[in-house]
């Protein structure tokens, strides 16, 4: 891997003791991977796109299992904030699935990638504004660290492909082997969070 490439999810082995800082770093890594996909061709583009898909899947799974439940409970209007983020996530996953079915050299790939980038960046800005800043204000460093630990655990368990419409444990059950992976992710997060 060249020095310019963004690492695979979880490759950095950073301490990450604040969930908001960890998720913000992932947002930066996602932006960097979009840049890398756009700037490369052929096998390099395929590799960068695969890493982008993986990181997006890791990031969204962690948010669905760790951040959204906390936001629902602790933030004013948290239920609506989370529903709005889930709607954005579903739209981005649908575009990502369509992209994943194309070869990265296909002429349709770049316009779809640019649409995905716009959707993901809009979603990230909304998360940062409506969830992340309020999470940091709503809890203490111990809970921020516990959530960061759970997100790091989710990184190790997250699926490598996105599944639109699978933003809840109940919907995951219908997916077969992916559901088992998602269940393991949820179990791991709960164990790390001490709520098993």
Protein backbone atom coordinates (compact mmCIF):
# COMPACT_ATOMS: atom_id res chain seq x y z
CA UNK A 1 0.00 0.00 0.00
CA UNK A 2 1.48 3.38 -0.99
CA UNK A 3 1.88 6.09 1.65
CA UNK A 4 -0.84 8.15 -0.05
CA UNK A 5 -3.55 5.53 0.34
CA UNK A 6 -6.11 5.79 3.11
CA UNK A 7 -5.86 2.71 5.35
CA UNK A 8 -8.43 -0.06 5.38
CA UNK A 9 -10.99 0.33 8.15
CA UNK A 10 -9.38 -0.53 11.47
CA UNK A 11 -5.83 -0.66 10.06
CA UNK A 12 -4.65 2.42 11.91
CA UNK A 13 -4.85 0.87 15.39
CA UNK A 14 -5.46 4.35 16.82
CA UNK A 15 -6.38 4.57 20.52
CA UNK A 16 -9.66 6.42 19.81
CA UNK A 17 -11.10 7.17 23.24
CA UNK A 18 -13.78 9.61 22.03
CA UNK A 19 -16.54 8.30 19.74
CA UNK A 20 -17.12 11.70 18.14
CA UNK A 21 -13.41 12.13 17.29
CA UNK A 22 -13.32 8.57 15.91
CA UNK A 23 -16.37 9.09 13.69
CA UNK A 24 -15.07 12.48 12.52
CA UNK A 25 -11.77 10.82 11.56
CA UNK A 26 -13.76 8.22 9.61
CA UNK A 27 -15.56 11.05 7.79
CA UNK A 28 -12.13 12.38 6.79
CA UNK A 29 -11.01 8.92 5.65
CA UNK A 30 -14.21 8.58 3.59
CA UNK A 31 -13.54 11.94 1.89
CA UNK A 32 -9.94 10.86 1.19
CA UNK A 33 -11.12 7.58 -0.32
CA UNK A 34 -13.57 9.38 -2.59
CA UNK A 35 -10.62 11.52 -3.76
CA UNK A 36 -8.53 8.39 -4.31
CA UNK A 37 -11.25 6.64 -6.34
CA UNK A 38 -11.71 9.74 -8.49
CA UNK A 39 -7.95 10.21 -9.06
CA UNK A 40 -7.10 6.63 -10.04
CA UNK A 41 -7.92 4.19 -12.83
CA UNK A 42 -7.99 0.45 -13.45
CA UNK A 43 -6.92 -1.84 -10.60
CA UNK A 44 -5.98 1.07 -8.32
CA UNK A 45 -9.50 2.50 -8.68
CA UNK A 46 -11.06 -0.92 -7.99
CA UNK A 47 -8.94 -1.28 -4.85
CA UNK A 48 -9.73 2.24 -3.62
CA UNK A 49 -13.44 1.72 -4.32
CA UNK A 50 -13.43 -1.60 -2.42
CA UNK A 51 -11.85 0.17 0.58
CA UNK A 52 -14.44 2.96 0.30
CA UNK A 53 -17.31 0.44 0.30
CA UNK A 54 -15.84 -1.33 3.32
CA UNK A 55 -15.32 1.89 5.28
CA UNK A 56 -18.82 3.15 4.49
CA UNK A 57 -20.28 -0.19 5.62
CA UNK A 58 -18.20 -0.15 8.81
CA UNK A 59 -19.09 3.44 9.57
CA UNK A 60 -22.83 3.05 9.01
CA UNK A 61 -23.02 -0.23 10.93
CA UNK A 62 -21.26 1.37 13.89
CA UNK A 63 -23.60 4.35 13.81
CA UNK A 64 -26.68 2.14 13.57
CA UNK A 65 -25.56 0.02 16.53
CA UNK A 66 -23.89 2.63 18.78
CA UNK A 67 -24.61 6.25 17.88
CA UNK A 68 -28.26 6.16 16.82
CA UNK A 69 -29.52 4.31 19.92
CA UNK A 70 -27.73 6.83 22.15
CA UNK A 71 -29.06 9.78 20.10
CA UNK A 72 -32.63 8.45 20.30
CA UNK A 73 -32.44 8.27 24.10
CA UNK A 74 -30.31 11.27 25.02
CA UNK A 75 -30.84 14.06 22.48
CA UNK A 76 -33.79 16.44 22.40
CA UNK A 77 -35.87 15.31 19.41
CA UNK A 78 -33.50 12.36 19.08
CA UNK A 79 -36.06 10.06 17.48
CA UNK A 80 -36.59 12.45 14.54
CA UNK A 81 -32.86 13.21 14.25
CA UNK A 82 -32.14 9.48 13.89
CA UNK A 83 -35.02 8.88 11.45
CA UNK A 84 -33.68 11.67 9.23
CA UNK A 85 -30.16 10.16 9.29
CA UNK A 86 -31.54 6.67 8.48
CA UNK A 87 -33.42 8.08 5.47
CA UNK A 88 -30.17 9.63 4.21
CA UNK A 89 -28.29 6.37 4.83
CA UNK A 90 -30.84 4.33 2.85
CA UNK A 91 -30.53 6.66 -0.16
CA UNK A 92 -26.73 6.50 -0.07
CA UNK A 93 -26.77 2.68 0.26
CA UNK A 94 -29.03 2.36 -2.78
CA UNK A 95 -26.59 4.42 -4.85
CA UNK A 96 -23.68 2.44 -3.44
CA UNK A 97 -25.29 -0.89 -4.37
CA UNK A 98 -25.89 0.38 -7.93
CA UNK A 99 -22.25 1.48 -8.10
CA UNK A 100 -21.00 -1.82 -6.73
CA UNK A 101 -22.72 -3.61 -9.62
CA UNK A 102 -20.76 -1.53 -12.17
CA UNK A 103 -17.17 -2.02 -13.18
CA UNK A 104 -15.12 0.99 -12.06
CA UNK A 105 -14.13 1.55 -15.74
CA UNK A 106 -17.79 1.71 -16.86
CA UNK A 107 -18.71 5.20 -18.19
CA UNK A 108 -21.70 5.23 -15.80
CA UNK A 109 -19.45 4.73 -12.77
CA UNK A 110 -18.08 8.26 -12.24
CA UNK A 111 -21.43 10.10 -12.48
CA UNK A 112 -22.89 7.64 -9.93
CA UNK A 113 -19.81 8.01 -7.72
CA UNK A 114 -20.17 11.80 -7.75
CA UNK A 115 -23.85 11.47 -6.78
CA UNK A 116 -22.88 9.14 -3.94
CA UNK A 117 -20.20 11.57 -2.80
CA UNK A 118 -22.70 14.44 -2.65
CA UNK A 119 -25.19 12.29 -0.70
CA UNK A 120 -22.56 11.02 1.73
CA UNK A 121 -21.11 14.48 2.35
CA UNK A 122 -24.57 15.94 2.98
CA UNK A 123 -25.29 13.07 5.39
CA UNK A 124 -21.94 13.53 7.18
CA UNK A 125 -22.58 17.26 7.66
CA UNK A 126 -26.03 16.50 9.11
CA UNK A 127 -24.55 13.90 11.48
CA UNK A 128 -21.88 16.30 12.64
CA UNK A 129 -24.41 19.11 13.20
CA UNK A 130 -27.43 17.24 14.58
CA UNK A 131 -25.89 14.22 16.32
CA UNK A 132 -22.17 14.48 17.03
CA UNK A 133 -22.05 17.93 18.67
CA UNK A 134 -25.05 17.07 20.85
CA UNK A 135 -23.62 13.67 21.81
CA UNK A 136 -20.44 15.28 23.08
CA UNK A 137 -22.52 17.75 25.14
CA UNK A 138 -24.87 15.03 26.43
CA UNK A 139 -22.44 12.62 28.03
CA UNK A 140 -19.12 12.31 29.83
CA UNK A 141 -15.68 11.15 28.70
CA UNK A 142 -16.25 7.66 30.11
CA UNK A 143 -19.33 7.11 27.95
CA UNK A 144 -17.63 8.69 24.89
CA UNK A 145 -14.76 6.22 25.39
CA UNK A 146 -17.12 3.26 25.83
CA UNK A 147 -18.95 4.16 22.61
CA UNK A 148 -15.61 4.56 20.79
CA UNK A 149 -14.58 1.09 21.97
CA UNK A 150 -17.87 -0.30 20.65
CA UNK A 151 -17.37 1.44 17.27
CA UNK A 152 -13.87 -0.06 17.03
CA UNK A 153 -15.38 -3.50 17.76
CA UNK A 154 -17.98 -2.90 15.04
CA UNK A 155 -15.16 -2.06 12.60
CA UNK A 156 -13.87 -5.58 13.02
CA UNK A 157 -17.29 -7.18 12.45
CA UNK A 158 -18.99 -4.96 9.84
CA UNK A 159 -20.11 -6.35 6.49
CA UNK A 160 -18.00 -5.66 3.43
CA UNK A 161 -21.03 -4.73 1.29
CA UNK A 162 -23.90 -2.29 1.94
CA UNK A 163 -27.46 -3.51 2.33
CA UNK A 164 -30.10 -0.82 1.78
CA UNK A 165 -33.15 -1.17 3.96
CA UNK A 166 -31.12 -2.89 6.67
CA UNK A 167 -30.94 -0.17 9.27
CA UNK A 168 -32.37 -2.26 12.11
CA UNK A 169 -31.69 -5.59 13.74
CA UNK A 170 -35.15 -6.87 12.78
CA UNK A 171 -34.57 -6.21 9.08
CA UNK A 172 -31.14 -7.86 9.25
CA UNK A 173 -32.67 -11.21 10.18
CA UNK A 174 -34.04 -11.70 6.66
CA UNK A 175 -30.59 -11.54 5.04
CA UNK A 176 -29.19 -14.96 5.90
CA UNK A 177 -25.38 -15.03 6.29
CA UNK A 178 -25.15 -11.23 6.35
CA UNK A 179 -27.73 -11.26 9.15
CA UNK A 180 -25.44 -13.54 11.15
CA UNK A 181 -22.58 -11.09 10.66
CA UNK A 182 -24.80 -8.18 11.68
CA UNK A 183 -26.02 -10.11 14.72
CA UNK A 184 -22.41 -10.83 15.72
CA UNK A 185 -21.64 -7.13 15.27
CA UNK A 186 -24.58 -6.17 17.47
CA UNK A 187 -23.62 -8.79 20.08
CA UNK A 188 -20.03 -7.54 20.07
CA UNK A 189 -21.15 -3.93 20.48
CA UNK A 190 -23.50 -4.84 23.32
CA UNK A 191 -20.78 -6.83 25.08
CA UNK A 192 -18.34 -3.94 24.76
CA UNK A 193 -21.00 -1.48 25.96
CA UNK A 194 -21.79 -3.77 28.90
CA UNK A 195 -25.46 -4.24 28.00
CA UNK A 196 -25.60 -7.93 27.06
